[in-house]
Protein backbone atom coordinates (compact mmCIF):
# COMPACT_ATOMS: atom_id res chain seq x y z
CA MET A 1 -21.61 -10.17 98.15
CA ASP A 2 -24.31 -12.41 97.24
CA PRO A 3 -22.83 -14.50 94.27
CA THR A 4 -26.21 -14.17 92.41
CA VAL A 5 -26.63 -10.53 93.20
CA HIS A 6 -22.99 -9.91 91.86
CA ALA A 7 -23.51 -11.96 88.61
CA LEU A 8 -26.53 -10.02 87.75
CA GLN A 9 -24.98 -6.53 88.15
CA LEU A 10 -21.85 -7.56 86.01
CA LYS A 11 -24.49 -8.99 83.57
CA SER A 12 -26.11 -5.55 83.75
CA ILE A 13 -23.19 -3.92 82.82
CA GLN A 14 -22.44 -6.23 79.71
CA TYR A 15 -25.71 -5.65 78.71
CA ARG A 16 -25.68 -2.07 78.52
CA LYS A 17 -22.40 -2.22 76.63
CA THR A 18 -23.98 -4.29 73.97
CA ILE A 19 -26.94 -1.97 74.06
CA LEU A 20 -24.94 0.86 73.26
CA SER A 21 -22.84 -1.04 70.64
CA ILE A 22 -25.81 -2.29 68.44
CA ILE A 23 -27.45 1.37 68.50
CA LYS A 24 -24.55 2.88 67.26
CA GLN A 25 -24.14 0.11 64.65
CA ALA A 26 -27.57 0.67 63.53
CA ARG A 27 -27.31 4.39 63.99
CA ALA A 28 -30.69 4.19 65.47
CA GLY A 29 -32.50 3.07 68.41
CA HIS A 30 -33.70 4.04 72.11
CA THR A 31 -30.66 4.49 73.77
CA ALA A 32 -31.92 6.41 77.38
CA GLY A 33 -34.86 4.26 77.71
CA SER A 34 -33.18 0.60 77.23
CA LEU A 35 -30.45 1.58 79.77
CA SER A 36 -33.58 2.59 82.11
CA CYS A 37 -35.10 -0.92 82.01
CA ILE A 38 -32.16 -3.15 81.61
CA ASP A 39 -31.92 -4.09 85.17
CA ILE A 40 -35.57 -5.31 85.39
CA LEU A 41 -35.26 -7.58 82.48
CA ASN A 42 -32.10 -8.82 83.45
CA VAL A 43 -33.58 -9.90 86.92
CA LEU A 44 -36.87 -11.44 84.89
CA TYR A 45 -35.07 -13.33 82.46
CA ASN A 46 -32.29 -14.68 84.26
CA HIS A 47 -33.98 -15.42 87.92
CA VAL A 48 -37.46 -14.83 87.62
CA MET A 49 -39.65 -15.88 84.78
CA ASN A 50 -39.78 -19.72 83.45
CA VAL A 51 -39.11 -18.86 80.12
CA SER A 52 -36.36 -20.22 77.76
CA PRO A 53 -35.56 -21.08 74.21
CA GLU A 54 -36.10 -24.85 75.35
CA ASN A 55 -39.62 -24.64 76.78
CA PHE A 56 -40.98 -21.50 74.46
CA ALA A 57 -43.69 -23.88 72.97
CA ASP A 58 -44.70 -25.27 76.55
CA PRO A 59 -48.33 -24.06 77.54
CA ASP A 60 -47.10 -23.45 80.90
CA ARG A 61 -44.10 -21.12 80.12
CA ASP A 62 -44.38 -17.45 81.62
CA ARG A 63 -45.32 -14.76 79.45
CA TYR A 64 -43.63 -11.40 78.77
CA ILE A 65 -45.13 -8.45 77.13
CA GLN A 66 -43.08 -5.50 76.37
CA SER A 67 -45.56 -2.56 76.03
CA LYS A 68 -42.59 -0.22 76.21
CA GLY A 69 -41.78 -0.64 72.61
CA HIS A 70 -39.40 2.11 72.69
CA ALA A 71 -37.08 -0.16 74.61
CA VAL A 72 -36.85 -3.13 72.29
CA GLU A 73 -32.81 -2.85 72.10
CA ALA A 74 -33.15 -4.03 75.87
CA LEU A 75 -35.29 -6.85 74.86
CA TYR A 76 -33.18 -7.89 71.85
CA THR A 77 -29.91 -7.69 74.33
CA VAL A 78 -31.33 -10.07 76.86
CA LEU A 79 -32.84 -12.51 74.17
CA ALA A 80 -29.82 -13.21 72.48
CA ASP A 81 -27.83 -13.67 76.01
CA ARG A 82 -30.46 -16.20 77.02
CA GLY A 83 -29.95 -17.93 73.57
CA PHE A 84 -32.94 -17.40 71.71
CA PHE A 85 -31.01 -16.72 68.63
CA PRO A 86 -27.31 -16.03 68.04
CA ALA A 87 -25.98 -12.87 69.25
CA GLU A 88 -24.30 -12.04 66.14
CA GLU A 89 -27.69 -11.39 64.56
CA LEU A 90 -27.92 -8.31 66.82
CA GLN A 91 -25.54 -6.62 64.52
CA THR A 92 -28.28 -6.60 61.74
CA LEU A 93 -30.41 -4.31 63.81
CA GLY A 94 -32.14 -1.53 61.46
CA GLN A 95 -30.57 -2.91 58.24
CA TYR A 96 -32.70 -3.95 55.36
CA ARG A 97 -34.80 -7.11 55.76
CA SER A 98 -33.62 -7.95 59.23
CA HIS A 99 -36.26 -8.73 61.70
CA PHE A 100 -34.42 -6.67 64.39
CA VAL A 101 -36.50 -3.53 63.83
CA GLY A 102 -37.59 -0.65 66.15
CA HIS A 103 -40.16 -2.39 68.21
CA PRO A 104 -40.76 -6.00 69.31
CA THR A 105 -42.09 -8.15 66.48
CA ARG A 106 -42.86 -11.73 66.81
CA LYS A 107 -40.71 -12.58 63.75
CA VAL A 108 -37.57 -12.53 66.57
CA PRO A 109 -37.45 -15.67 68.32
CA GLY A 110 -38.57 -15.42 72.18
CA ILE A 111 -40.86 -12.25 71.49
CA GLU A 112 -44.61 -13.33 72.30
CA HIS A 113 -46.44 -10.47 70.43
CA ASN A 114 -46.03 -7.48 68.41
CA THR A 115 -46.02 -4.40 70.55
CA GLY A 116 -44.66 -0.65 70.26
CA ALA A 117 -48.03 0.95 69.22
CA LEU A 118 -47.97 2.28 72.73
CA GLY A 119 -50.44 1.57 75.20
CA HIS A 120 -51.55 -1.51 73.80
CA GLY A 121 -49.24 -4.21 75.98
CA LEU A 122 -51.20 -3.95 79.25
CA SER A 123 -54.33 -5.07 77.15
CA VAL A 124 -52.42 -8.25 75.71
CA ALA A 125 -51.02 -9.14 79.07
CA VAL A 126 -54.48 -9.09 80.52
CA GLY A 127 -55.98 -11.34 78.01
CA LEU A 128 -53.22 -13.79 78.60
CA ALA A 129 -53.61 -13.85 82.10
CA LEU A 130 -57.31 -14.24 81.93
CA ALA A 131 -56.60 -17.13 79.38
CA ALA A 132 -54.34 -18.86 82.10
CA LYS A 133 -57.36 -18.52 84.56
CA LYS A 134 -59.61 -19.87 82.23
CA ASP A 135 -57.67 -22.73 81.15
CA GLY A 136 -56.35 -23.42 84.34
CA ARG A 137 -52.85 -23.18 83.65
CA SER A 138 -50.07 -21.84 86.47
CA TYR A 139 -48.15 -19.68 84.38
CA ARG A 140 -47.73 -15.75 85.06
CA VAL A 141 -47.78 -12.71 82.51
CA TYR A 142 -45.23 -10.17 83.21
CA THR A 143 -45.35 -6.65 81.11
CA LEU A 144 -43.25 -3.84 81.02
CA LEU A 145 -44.89 -0.33 80.55
CA GLY A 146 -43.26 2.96 79.95
CA ASP A 147 -44.39 5.70 82.18
CA GLY A 148 -44.88 7.72 79.19
CA GLU A 149 -47.47 5.27 77.64
CA LEU A 150 -49.62 5.65 80.54
CA ALA A 151 -51.47 8.78 79.22
CA GLU A 152 -53.14 6.16 76.77
CA GLY A 153 -56.69 5.14 78.04
CA SER A 154 -56.33 1.88 76.91
CA ASN A 155 -54.22 1.15 80.07
CA TRP A 156 -56.84 2.13 82.59
CA GLU A 157 -59.21 0.05 80.66
CA ALA A 158 -57.22 -3.05 80.75
CA SER A 159 -56.65 -2.42 84.57
CA LEU A 160 -60.36 -2.43 85.16
CA VAL A 161 -60.50 -5.68 83.76
CA ALA A 162 -57.60 -6.94 85.21
CA ALA A 163 -59.19 -6.02 88.52
CA HIS A 164 -62.64 -7.23 87.98
CA TYR A 165 -61.26 -10.74 86.96
CA LYS A 166 -58.71 -11.08 90.06
CA LEU A 167 -55.84 -11.52 87.89
CA ASP A 168 -53.26 -12.32 90.61
CA ASN A 169 -51.32 -14.08 87.66
CA LEU A 170 -50.38 -10.56 86.04
CA VAL A 171 -47.53 -8.65 87.23
CA VAL A 172 -47.25 -5.07 85.76
CA ILE A 173 -44.08 -3.28 85.96
CA VAL A 174 -43.90 0.55 85.22
CA ASP A 175 -40.46 1.94 84.11
CA ARG A 176 -40.87 5.19 85.91
CA ASN A 177 -38.13 6.99 84.55
CA GLY A 178 -39.97 10.30 84.66
CA LEU A 179 -39.06 11.53 81.10
CA GLN A 180 -40.84 10.73 77.56
CA ILE A 181 -39.74 11.73 74.17
CA THR A 182 -41.24 15.43 74.30
CA GLY A 183 -39.93 15.94 77.84
CA PRO A 184 -40.98 15.45 81.55
CA THR A 185 -43.79 13.16 81.83
CA GLU A 186 -45.18 15.40 84.67
CA ASP A 187 -45.15 18.67 82.18
CA VAL A 188 -46.70 16.66 79.40
CA VAL A 189 -49.50 14.75 81.09
CA ALA A 190 -49.04 14.37 84.93
CA LEU A 191 -49.26 11.21 86.37
CA GLU A 192 -48.86 11.58 90.18
CA PRO A 193 -49.87 10.15 92.40
CA LEU A 194 -48.99 7.33 90.19
CA CYS A 195 -49.14 4.57 93.05
CA GLU A 196 -52.55 5.65 94.48
CA LYS A 197 -54.08 5.52 91.07
CA PHE A 198 -52.96 2.05 90.64
CA ARG A 199 -54.47 1.04 93.99
CA VAL A 200 -57.76 2.61 93.09
CA PHE A 201 -57.73 0.77 90.16
CA GLY A 202 -57.39 -2.59 92.21
CA TYR A 203 -53.76 -3.29 92.12
CA ALA A 204 -51.96 -4.64 95.03
CA VAL A 205 -48.79 -2.02 94.35
CA ARG A 206 -45.16 -1.95 95.60
CA GLU A 207 -42.55 1.11 94.94
CA VAL A 208 -38.94 -0.09 94.40
CA ASN A 209 -35.73 1.45 92.89
CA GLY A 210 -35.43 -0.19 89.65
CA HIS A 211 -31.85 -0.51 89.48
CA ASP A 212 -31.41 -2.00 92.93
CA ILE A 213 -31.08 -5.88 92.01
CA PRO A 214 -31.56 -7.30 95.63
CA THR A 215 -34.57 -5.44 96.06
CA LEU A 216 -35.85 -6.52 92.76
CA LEU A 217 -34.98 -9.84 93.38
CA ASP A 218 -36.60 -9.81 96.74
CA THR A 219 -39.67 -7.89 95.40
CA PHE A 220 -40.47 -10.90 92.78
CA THR A 221 -40.34 -13.27 95.29
CA GLN A 222 -43.50 -11.71 96.97
CA ILE A 223 -45.72 -12.10 93.68
CA PRO A 224 -48.45 -11.96 94.07
CA PHE A 225 -48.55 -9.20 96.56
CA GLN A 226 -52.18 -9.74 97.59
CA PRO A 227 -54.38 -13.22 96.46
CA GLY A 228 -57.03 -12.06 94.20
CA LYS A 229 -55.13 -8.91 93.03
CA PRO A 230 -52.84 -8.20 90.03
CA SER A 231 -49.39 -6.60 91.02
CA LEU A 232 -47.87 -3.55 90.28
CA ILE A 233 -44.37 -2.46 90.73
CA LEU A 234 -43.60 0.83 90.16
CA ALA A 235 -39.85 0.82 89.33
CA ARG A 236 -38.26 3.93 89.82
CA THR A 237 -35.69 4.30 87.49
CA ILE A 238 -33.35 6.85 85.56
CA LYS A 239 -33.48 7.54 81.90
CA GLY A 240 -29.84 6.70 80.48
CA ARG A 241 -28.57 5.05 83.48
CA GLY A 242 -25.09 3.97 83.84
CA VAL A 243 -23.70 6.59 81.56
CA SER A 244 -23.37 10.11 83.54
CA PHE A 245 -23.99 12.12 80.40
CA MET A 246 -27.02 9.97 79.24
CA GLU A 247 -28.91 10.36 82.56
CA ASN A 248 -31.68 12.22 82.76
CA GLN A 249 -31.49 13.52 79.67
CA VAL A 250 -34.94 13.94 77.17
CA SER A 251 -32.28 14.18 74.15
CA TRP A 252 -31.15 10.75 74.33
CA HIS A 253 -34.53 9.02 74.07
CA HIS A 254 -33.42 8.58 70.49
CA HIS A 255 -30.19 10.06 70.35
CA VAL A 256 -27.31 8.06 68.96
CA PRO A 257 -23.61 8.25 70.57
CA ASN A 258 -21.40 9.61 68.13
CA ASP A 259 -17.71 8.22 68.07
CA GLU A 260 -16.71 10.29 70.94
CA GLU A 261 -19.54 9.77 73.02
CA TYR A 262 -19.41 5.90 72.40
CA THR A 263 -15.83 5.79 73.53
CA LEU A 264 -16.46 7.76 76.91
CA ALA A 265 -19.63 5.74 77.73
CA MET A 266 -17.80 2.43 77.31
CA GLN A 267 -14.80 3.86 79.02
CA GLU A 268 -17.29 4.60 82.05
CA LEU A 269 -19.06 1.15 81.73
CA GLU A 270 -15.50 -0.75 81.95
CA LEU A 271 -14.63 1.27 84.82
CA ALA A 272 -17.96 0.43 86.37
CA GLU A 273 -17.23 -3.39 85.59
CA THR A 274 -13.49 -3.05 86.89
CA ALA A 275 -14.76 -1.74 90.42
CA LEU A 276 -17.78 -4.60 90.44
CA VAL A 277 -15.35 -7.60 89.57
CA GLY A 278 -12.79 -6.06 92.67
CA VAL A 279 -15.85 -6.14 95.09
CA ALA A 280 -15.84 -10.06 94.95
CA GLN A 281 -12.00 -10.64 95.32
């Protein structure tokens, strides 16, 4: 197996264990949505983006905006692993006076912008990408959207602007898991045919398996998909991915595992980790 792929796959399992641990400790969090997007964040922060604690003040660093605020535990986990702050601080999640709250906030090192009022992250990302063009900067702007927040009209207004200004330094990733807090997206506000809608709005679009790390690595190397157009990756994912009884269950959007559920989930992840370690031997 490609050692890069193998290392990233192992890291995703570790990230999933950390996400469950900090949510269990805090007794609050967005469990399933964090598990659905963690493979994407893993590849972005560990292989794709030019951003680190050492260059965070560099005006040419890549930017990441997490519009999908209801998965902030995934972002905290990756930032801690990349060294933006000590991992021990994750244990303060949700506590009084902790900066680690339920939506991204700039008080946490490594976070570019407050988000979580859903439907606003893309507008911020478009502004940053446009600023890079105006200032002659080479950085790219990556933003992760949840599919549930696509019901917000601000996403489509921002998309018009992104296409108008030919922002091929903008990379939009949609975590297309098909569920939102109140039910399936297609029952709440139908989105399909989603790829076609983004193409009409001026994006160059790729549809991928958002848990397939080799595919994600290959897809990000192809950016921009088309010069003069913003790139959009529709990442098909599974909400709750990695824990069998959490997968595709609406109730796990906000549900926190009890002692028994936590033990079972960790056992599943440890079995997956053991199997994956064996692959490399």
